[in-house]
């Protein structure tokens, strides 16, 4: 899993989520996805995205915790 850098959940989605699978599906879908990621972050303290849905082609996660190493 690759740890990525972002300043917020919105920034994470804007930088790393494939556009056609995020904003390309319409404004309403993008809002629902943002809300879902915000809920995941609140519950777990991190968010992650599969290699199918992000631009890196790898499984990614954010935020990075200083005590944590890439796996």
PDB file of N, CA and C in Angstrom:
ATOM      1  N   UNK A   1       0.849  -1.175   0.000  1.00  0.00           N
ATOM      2  CA  UNK A   1       0.000   0.000   0.000  1.00  0.00           C
ATOM      3  C   UNK A   1       0.892   1.235   0.000  1.00  0.00           C
ATOM      4  N   UNK A   2       0.550   2.179  -0.826  1.00  0.00           N
ATOM      5  CA  UNK A   2       1.304   3.418  -0.934  1.00  0.00           C
ATOM      6  C   UNK A   2       0.624   4.500  -0.089  1.00  0.00           C
ATOM      7  N   UNK A   3       1.405   5.176   0.750  1.00  0.00           N
ATOM      8  CA  UNK A   3       0.902   6.303   1.536  1.00  0.00           C
ATOM      9  C   UNK A   3       1.078   7.558   0.692  1.00  0.00           C
ATOM     10  N   UNK A   4       0.002   8.333   0.533  1.00  0.00           N
ATOM     11  CA  UNK A   4       0.055   9.534  -0.302  1.00  0.00           C
ATOM     12  C   UNK A   4      -0.123  10.787   0.547  1.00  0.00           C
ATOM     13  N   UNK A   5       0.234  11.911  -0.035  1.00  0.00           N
ATOM     14  CA  UNK A   5       0.138  13.195   0.648  1.00  0.00           C
ATOM     15  C   UNK A   5      -1.067  13.978   0.137  1.00  0.00           C
ATOM     16  N   UNK A   6      -1.769  14.602   1.069  1.00  0.00           N
ATOM     17  CA  UNK A   6      -2.893  15.474   0.736  1.00  0.00           C
ATOM     18  C   UNK A   6      -3.114  16.413   1.918  1.00  0.00           C
ATOM     19  N   UNK A   7      -3.788  17.527   1.671  1.00  0.00           N
ATOM     20  CA  UNK A   7      -4.047  18.484   2.740  1.00  0.00           C
ATOM     21  C   UNK A   7      -5.428  18.316   3.351  1.00  0.00           C
ATOM     22  N   UNK A   8      -6.292  17.573   2.673  1.00  0.00           N
ATOM     23  CA  UNK A   8      -7.658  17.346   3.152  1.00  0.00           C
ATOM     24  C   UNK A   8      -8.249  16.184   2.368  1.00  0.00           C
ATOM     25  N   UNK A   9      -9.406  15.753   2.780  1.00  0.00           N
ATOM     26  CA  UNK A   9     -10.086  14.675   2.045  1.00  0.00           C
ATOM     27  C   UNK A   9     -10.438  15.151   0.639  1.00  0.00           C
ATOM     28  N   UNK A  10     -10.904  16.379   0.528  1.00  0.00           N
ATOM     29  CA  UNK A  10     -11.219  16.937  -0.797  1.00  0.00           C
ATOM     30  C   UNK A  10      -9.975  16.962  -1.673  1.00  0.00           C
ATOM     31  N   UNK A  11      -8.854  17.392  -1.114  1.00  0.00           N
ATOM     32  CA  UNK A  11      -7.596  17.431  -1.851  1.00  0.00           C
ATOM     33  C   UNK A  11      -7.178  16.023  -2.278  1.00  0.00           C
ATOM     34  N   UNK A  12      -7.333  15.053  -1.390  1.00  0.00           N
ATOM     35  CA  UNK A  12      -7.025  13.645  -1.691  1.00  0.00           C
ATOM     36  C   UNK A  12      -7.828  13.181  -2.904  1.00  0.00           C
ATOM     37  N   UNK A  13      -9.132  13.418  -2.886  1.00  0.00           N
ATOM     38  CA  UNK A  13      -9.971  12.986  -4.008  1.00  0.00           C
ATOM     39  C   UNK A  13      -9.605  13.721  -5.289  1.00  0.00           C
ATOM     40  N   UNK A  14      -9.362  15.030  -5.185  1.00  0.00           N
ATOM     41  CA  UNK A  14      -8.996  15.816  -6.372  1.00  0.00           C
ATOM     42  C   UNK A  14      -7.678  15.351  -6.982  1.00  0.00           C
ATOM     43  N   UNK A  15      -6.707  15.004  -6.147  1.00  0.00           N
ATOM     44  CA  UNK A  15      -5.385  14.600  -6.637  1.00  0.00           C
ATOM     45  C   UNK A  15      -5.347  13.168  -7.137  1.00  0.00           C
ATOM     46  N   UNK A  16      -6.024  12.264  -6.441  1.00  0.00           N
ATOM     47  CA  UNK A  16      -5.782  10.845  -6.665  1.00  0.00           C
ATOM     48  C   UNK A  16      -6.940  10.048  -7.258  1.00  0.00           C
ATOM     49  N   UNK A  17      -8.173  10.480  -7.074  1.00  0.00           N
ATOM     50  CA  UNK A  17      -9.301   9.700  -7.590  1.00  0.00           C
ATOM     51  C   UNK A  17      -9.433   9.932  -9.090  1.00  0.00           C
ATOM     52  N   UNK A  18      -9.622   8.881  -9.860  1.00  0.00           N
ATOM     53  CA  UNK A  18      -9.793   9.037 -11.305  1.00  0.00           C
ATOM     54  C   UNK A  18     -10.992   9.933 -11.579  1.00  0.00           C
ATOM     55  N   UNK A  19     -10.795  10.944 -12.396  1.00  0.00           N
ATOM     56  CA  UNK A  19     -11.845  11.938 -12.680  1.00  0.00           C
ATOM     57  C   UNK A  19     -13.119  11.299 -13.230  1.00  0.00           C
ATOM     58  N   UNK A  20     -12.960  10.339 -14.144  1.00  0.00           N
ATOM     59  CA  UNK A  20     -14.154   9.730 -14.735  1.00  0.00           C
ATOM     60  C   UNK A  20     -14.961   8.937 -13.718  1.00  0.00           C
ATOM     61  N   UNK A  21     -14.335   8.533 -12.626  1.00  0.00           N
ATOM     62  CA  UNK A  21     -15.033   7.785 -11.583  1.00  0.00           C
ATOM     63  C   UNK A  21     -15.436   8.667 -10.409  1.00  0.00           C
ATOM     64  N   UNK A  22     -15.076   9.930 -10.455  1.00  0.00           N
ATOM     65  CA  UNK A  22     -15.394  10.880  -9.375  1.00  0.00           C
ATOM     66  C   UNK A  22     -16.278  11.984  -9.931  1.00  0.00           C
ATOM     67  N   UNK A  23     -15.728  13.051 -10.419  1.00  0.00           N
ATOM     68  CA  UNK A  23     -16.529  14.158 -10.934  1.00  0.00           C
ATOM     69  C   UNK A  23     -17.156  13.847 -12.285  1.00  0.00           C
ATOM     70  N   UNK A  24     -16.587  12.874 -12.987  1.00  0.00           N
ATOM     71  CA  UNK A  24     -17.134  12.490 -14.288  1.00  0.00           C
ATOM     72  C   UNK A  24     -18.492  11.824 -14.206  1.00  0.00           C
ATOM     73  N   UNK A  25     -18.896  11.421 -13.019  1.00  0.00           N
ATOM     74  CA  UNK A  25     -20.210  10.788 -12.831  1.00  0.00           C
ATOM     75  C   UNK A  25     -21.269  11.784 -12.376  1.00  0.00           C
ATOM     76  N   UNK A  26     -20.894  13.064 -12.328  1.00  0.00           N
ATOM     77  CA  UNK A  26     -21.843  14.105 -11.965  1.00  0.00           C
ATOM     78  C   UNK A  26     -21.588  14.666 -10.577  1.00  0.00           C
ATOM     79  N   UNK A  27     -22.090  15.864 -10.369  1.00  0.00           N
ATOM     80  CA  UNK A  27     -21.884  16.587  -9.112  1.00  0.00           C
ATOM     81  C   UNK A  27     -22.487  15.850  -7.913  1.00  0.00           C
ATOM     82  N   UNK A  28     -23.661  15.303  -8.090  1.00  0.00           N
ATOM     83  CA  UNK A  28     -24.324  14.606  -6.983  1.00  0.00           C
ATOM     84  C   UNK A  28     -23.520  13.378  -6.543  1.00  0.00           C
ATOM     85  N   UNK A  29     -23.030  12.620  -7.520  1.00  0.00           N
ATOM     86  CA  UNK A  29     -22.213  11.446  -7.197  1.00  0.00           C
ATOM     87  C   UNK A  29     -20.941  11.868  -6.462  1.00  0.00           C
ATOM     88  N   UNK A  30     -20.294  12.932  -6.922  1.00  0.00           N
ATOM     89  CA  UNK A  30     -19.071  13.426  -6.289  1.00  0.00           C
ATOM     90  C   UNK A  30     -19.340  13.834  -4.837  1.00  0.00           C
ATOM     91  N   UNK A  31     -20.464  14.462  -4.575  1.00  0.00           N
ATOM     92  CA  UNK A  31     -20.812  14.856  -3.204  1.00  0.00           C
ATOM     93  C   UNK A  31     -21.011  13.635  -2.307  1.00  0.00           C
ATOM     94  N   UNK A  32     -21.684  12.626  -2.831  1.00  0.00           N
ATOM     95  CA  UNK A  32     -21.916  11.397  -2.069  1.00  0.00           C
ATOM     96  C   UNK A  32     -20.589  10.698  -1.780  1.00  0.00           C
ATOM     97  N   UNK A  33     -19.702  10.647  -2.760  1.00  0.00           N
ATOM     98  CA  UNK A  33     -18.397  10.018  -2.568  1.00  0.00           C
ATOM     99  C   UNK A  33     -17.585  10.778  -1.514  1.00  0.00           C
ATOM    100  N   UNK A  34     -17.584  12.096  -1.574  1.00  0.00           N
ATOM    101  CA  UNK A  34     -16.879  12.914  -0.577  1.00  0.00           C
ATOM    102  C   UNK A  34     -17.428  12.639   0.820  1.00  0.00           C
ATOM    103  N   UNK A  35     -18.731  12.606   0.953  1.00  0.00           N
ATOM    104  CA  UNK A  35     -19.354  12.321   2.245  1.00  0.00           C
ATOM    105  C   UNK A  35     -18.954  10.940   2.747  1.00  0.00           C
ATOM    106  N   UNK A  36     -18.936   9.965   1.861  1.00  0.00           N
ATOM    107  CA  UNK A  36     -18.550   8.606   2.226  1.00  0.00           C
ATOM    108  C   UNK A  36     -17.107   8.574   2.737  1.00  0.00           C
ATOM    109  N   UNK A  37     -16.213   9.252   2.064  1.00  0.00           N
ATOM    110  CA  UNK A  37     -14.818   9.297   2.497  1.00  0.00           C
ATOM    111  C   UNK A  37     -14.674  10.054   3.819  1.00  0.00           C
ATOM    112  N   UNK A  38     -15.456  11.098   4.026  1.00  0.00           N
ATOM    113  CA  UNK A  38     -15.421  11.829   5.293  1.00  0.00           C
ATOM    114  C   UNK A  38     -15.880  10.932   6.442  1.00  0.00           C
ATOM    115  N   UNK A  39     -16.906  10.142   6.214  1.00  0.00           N
ATOM    116  CA  UNK A  39     -17.401   9.210   7.223  1.00  0.00           C
ATOM    117  C   UNK A  39     -16.369   8.125   7.521  1.00  0.00           C
ATOM    118  N   UNK A  40     -15.723   7.617   6.480  1.00  0.00           N
ATOM    119  CA  UNK A  40     -14.682   6.600   6.664  1.00  0.00           C
ATOM    120  C   UNK A  40     -13.523   7.175   7.486  1.00  0.00           C
ATOM    121  N   UNK A  41     -13.117   8.395   7.173  1.00  0.00           N
ATOM    122  CA  UNK A  41     -12.027   9.036   7.914  1.00  0.00           C
ATOM    123  C   UNK A  41     -12.404   9.234   9.380  1.00  0.00           C
ATOM    124  N   UNK A  42     -13.623   9.689   9.627  1.00  0.00           N
ATOM    125  CA  UNK A  42     -14.088   9.905  11.003  1.00  0.00           C
ATOM    126  C   UNK A  42     -14.113   8.601  11.792  1.00  0.00           C
ATOM    127  N   UNK A  43     -14.478   7.526  11.156  1.00  0.00           N
ATOM    128  CA  UNK A  43     -14.590   6.234  11.827  1.00  0.00           C
ATOM    129  C   UNK A  43     -13.239   5.544  12.021  1.00  0.00           C
ATOM    130  N   UNK A  44     -12.337   5.691  11.045  1.00  0.00           N
ATOM    131  CA  UNK A  44     -11.099   4.912  11.066  1.00  0.00           C
ATOM    132  C   UNK A  44      -9.820   5.734  11.237  1.00  0.00           C
ATOM    133  N   UNK A  45      -9.901   7.026  10.953  1.00  0.00           N
ATOM    134  CA  UNK A  45      -8.710   7.866  11.047  1.00  0.00           C
ATOM    135  C   UNK A  45      -7.848   7.850   9.797  1.00  0.00           C
ATOM    136  N   UNK A  46      -8.308   7.189   8.761  1.00  0.00           N
ATOM    137  CA  UNK A  46      -7.607   7.163   7.488  1.00  0.00           C
ATOM    138  C   UNK A  46      -8.613   6.828   6.389  1.00  0.00           C
ATOM    139  N   UNK A  47      -8.194   7.054   5.147  1.00  0.00           N
ATOM    140  CA  UNK A  47      -8.995   6.648   3.998  1.00  0.00           C
ATOM    141  C   UNK A  47      -8.078   5.910   3.026  1.00  0.00           C
ATOM    142  N   UNK A  48      -8.660   5.030   2.250  1.00  0.00           N
ATOM    143  CA  UNK A  48      -7.873   4.315   1.246  1.00  0.00           C
ATOM    144  C   UNK A  48      -8.720   4.134  -0.011  1.00  0.00           C
ATOM    145  N   UNK A  49      -8.017   3.907  -1.116  1.00  0.00           N
ATOM    146  CA  UNK A  49      -8.664   3.768  -2.416  1.00  0.00           C
ATOM    147  C   UNK A  49      -7.975   2.648  -3.192  1.00  0.00           C
ATOM    148  N   UNK A  50      -8.763   1.817  -3.834  1.00  0.00           N
ATOM    149  CA  UNK A  50      -8.220   0.698  -4.610  1.00  0.00           C
ATOM    150  C   UNK A  50      -7.453   1.192  -5.835  1.00  0.00           C
ATOM    151  N   UNK A  51      -6.631   0.323  -6.368  1.00  0.00           N
ATOM    152  CA  UNK A  51      -5.858   0.666  -7.555  1.00  0.00           C
ATOM    153  C   UNK A  51      -6.747   0.898  -8.777  1.00  0.00           C
ATOM    154  N   UNK A  52      -7.946   0.392  -8.766  1.00  0.00           N
ATOM    155  CA  UNK A  52      -8.872   0.579  -9.886  1.00  0.00           C
ATOM    156  C   UNK A  52      -9.414   2.006  -9.955  1.00  0.00           C
ATOM    157  N   UNK A  53      -9.535   2.651  -8.786  1.00  0.00           N
ATOM    158  CA  UNK A  53     -10.188   3.956  -8.723  1.00  0.00           C
ATOM    159  C   UNK A  53      -9.248   5.148  -8.612  1.00  0.00           C
ATOM    160  N   UNK A  54      -7.946   4.920  -8.478  1.00  0.00           N
ATOM    161  CA  UNK A  54      -7.056   6.067  -8.338  1.00  0.00           C
ATOM    162  C   UNK A  54      -6.026   6.116  -9.459  1.00  0.00           C
ATOM    163  N   UNK A  55      -5.411   7.279  -9.611  1.00  0.00           N
ATOM    164  CA  UNK A  55      -4.521   7.545 -10.739  1.00  0.00           C
ATOM    165  C   UNK A  55      -3.134   6.932 -10.592  1.00  0.00           C
ATOM    166  N   UNK A  56      -2.766   6.441  -9.420  1.00  0.00           N
ATOM    167  CA  UNK A  56      -1.430   5.876  -9.225  1.00  0.00           C
ATOM    168  C   UNK A  56      -1.333   4.439  -9.720  1.00  0.00           C
ATOM    169  N   UNK A  57      -2.445   3.743  -9.781  1.00  0.00           N
ATOM    170  CA  UNK A  57      -2.438   2.342 -10.161  1.00  0.00           C
ATOM    171  C   UNK A  57      -2.055   1.406  -9.019  1.00  0.00           C
ATOM    172  N   UNK A  58      -1.914   1.954  -7.816  1.00  0.00           N
ATOM    173  CA  UNK A  58      -1.584   1.179  -6.619  1.00  0.00           C
ATOM    174  C   UNK A  58      -2.667   1.414  -5.575  1.00  0.00           C
ATOM    175  N   UNK A  59      -2.778   0.509  -4.624  1.00  0.00           N
ATOM    176  CA  UNK A  59      -3.637   0.740  -3.464  1.00  0.00           C
ATOM    177  C   UNK A  59      -3.013   1.905  -2.692  1.00  0.00           C
ATOM    178  N   UNK A  60      -3.817   2.932  -2.358  1.00  0.00           N
ATOM    179  CA  UNK A  60      -3.277   4.091  -1.649  1.00  0.00           C
ATOM    180  C   UNK A  60      -4.054   4.371  -0.368  1.00  0.00           C
ATOM    181  N   UNK A  61      -3.392   5.072   0.553  1.00  0.00           N
ATOM    182  CA  UNK A  61      -4.025   5.467   1.817  1.00  0.00           C
ATOM    183  C   UNK A  61      -3.536   6.847   2.231  1.00  0.00           C
ATOM    184  N   UNK A  62      -4.348   7.546   3.014  1.00  0.00           N
ATOM    185  CA  UNK A  62      -4.025   8.852   3.576  1.00  0.00           C
ATOM    186  C   UNK A  62      -4.772   8.970   4.886  1.00  0.00           C
ATOM    187  N   UNK A  63      -4.300   9.543   5.930  1.00  0.00           N
ATOM    188  CA  UNK A  63      -3.037  10.250   6.053  1.00  0.00           C
ATOM    189  C   UNK A  63      -1.918   9.328   6.473  1.00  0.00           C
ATOM    190  N   UNK A  64      -0.758   9.851   6.402  1.00  0.00           N
ATOM    191  CA  UNK A  64       0.453   9.157   6.830  1.00  0.00           C
ATOM    192  C   UNK A  64       0.701   9.471   8.300  1.00  0.00           C
ATOM    193  N   UNK A  65       0.940   8.465   9.073  1.00  0.00           N
ATOM    194  CA  UNK A  65       1.276   8.650  10.484  1.00  0.00           C
ATOM    195  C   UNK A  65       2.778   8.441  10.639  1.00  0.00           C
ATOM    196  N   UNK A  66       3.478   9.343  11.309  1.00  0.00           N
ATOM    197  CA  UNK A  66       4.940   9.246  11.428  1.00  0.00           C
ATOM    198  C   UNK A  66       5.455   7.901  11.941  1.00  0.00           C
ATOM    199  N   UNK A  67       4.705   7.198  12.758  1.00  0.00           N
ATOM    200  CA  UNK A  67       5.149   5.925  13.317  1.00  0.00           C
ATOM    201  C   UNK A  67       4.881   4.757  12.374  1.00  0.00           C
ATOM    202  N   UNK A  68       4.249   5.027  11.261  1.00  0.00           N
ATOM    203  CA  UNK A  68       3.820   3.976  10.349  1.00  0.00           C
ATOM    204  C   UNK A  68       4.767   3.887   9.158  1.00  0.00           C
ATOM    205  N   UNK A  69       5.048   2.683   8.712  1.00  0.00           N
ATOM    206  CA  UNK A  69       5.867   2.476   7.529  1.00  0.00           C
ATOM    207  C   UNK A  69       4.981   2.024   6.383  1.00  0.00           C
ATOM    208  N   UNK A  70       5.451   2.264   5.166  1.00  0.00           N
ATOM    209  CA  UNK A  70       4.729   1.737   4.009  1.00  0.00           C
ATOM    210  C   UNK A  70       4.773   0.219   4.057  1.00  0.00           C
ATOM    211  N   UNK A  71       3.700  -0.407   3.619  1.00  0.00           N
ATOM    212  CA  UNK A  71       3.617  -1.870   3.607  1.00  0.00           C
ATOM    213  C   UNK A  71       3.659  -2.347   2.173  1.00  0.00           C
TER     214      UNK A  71
END
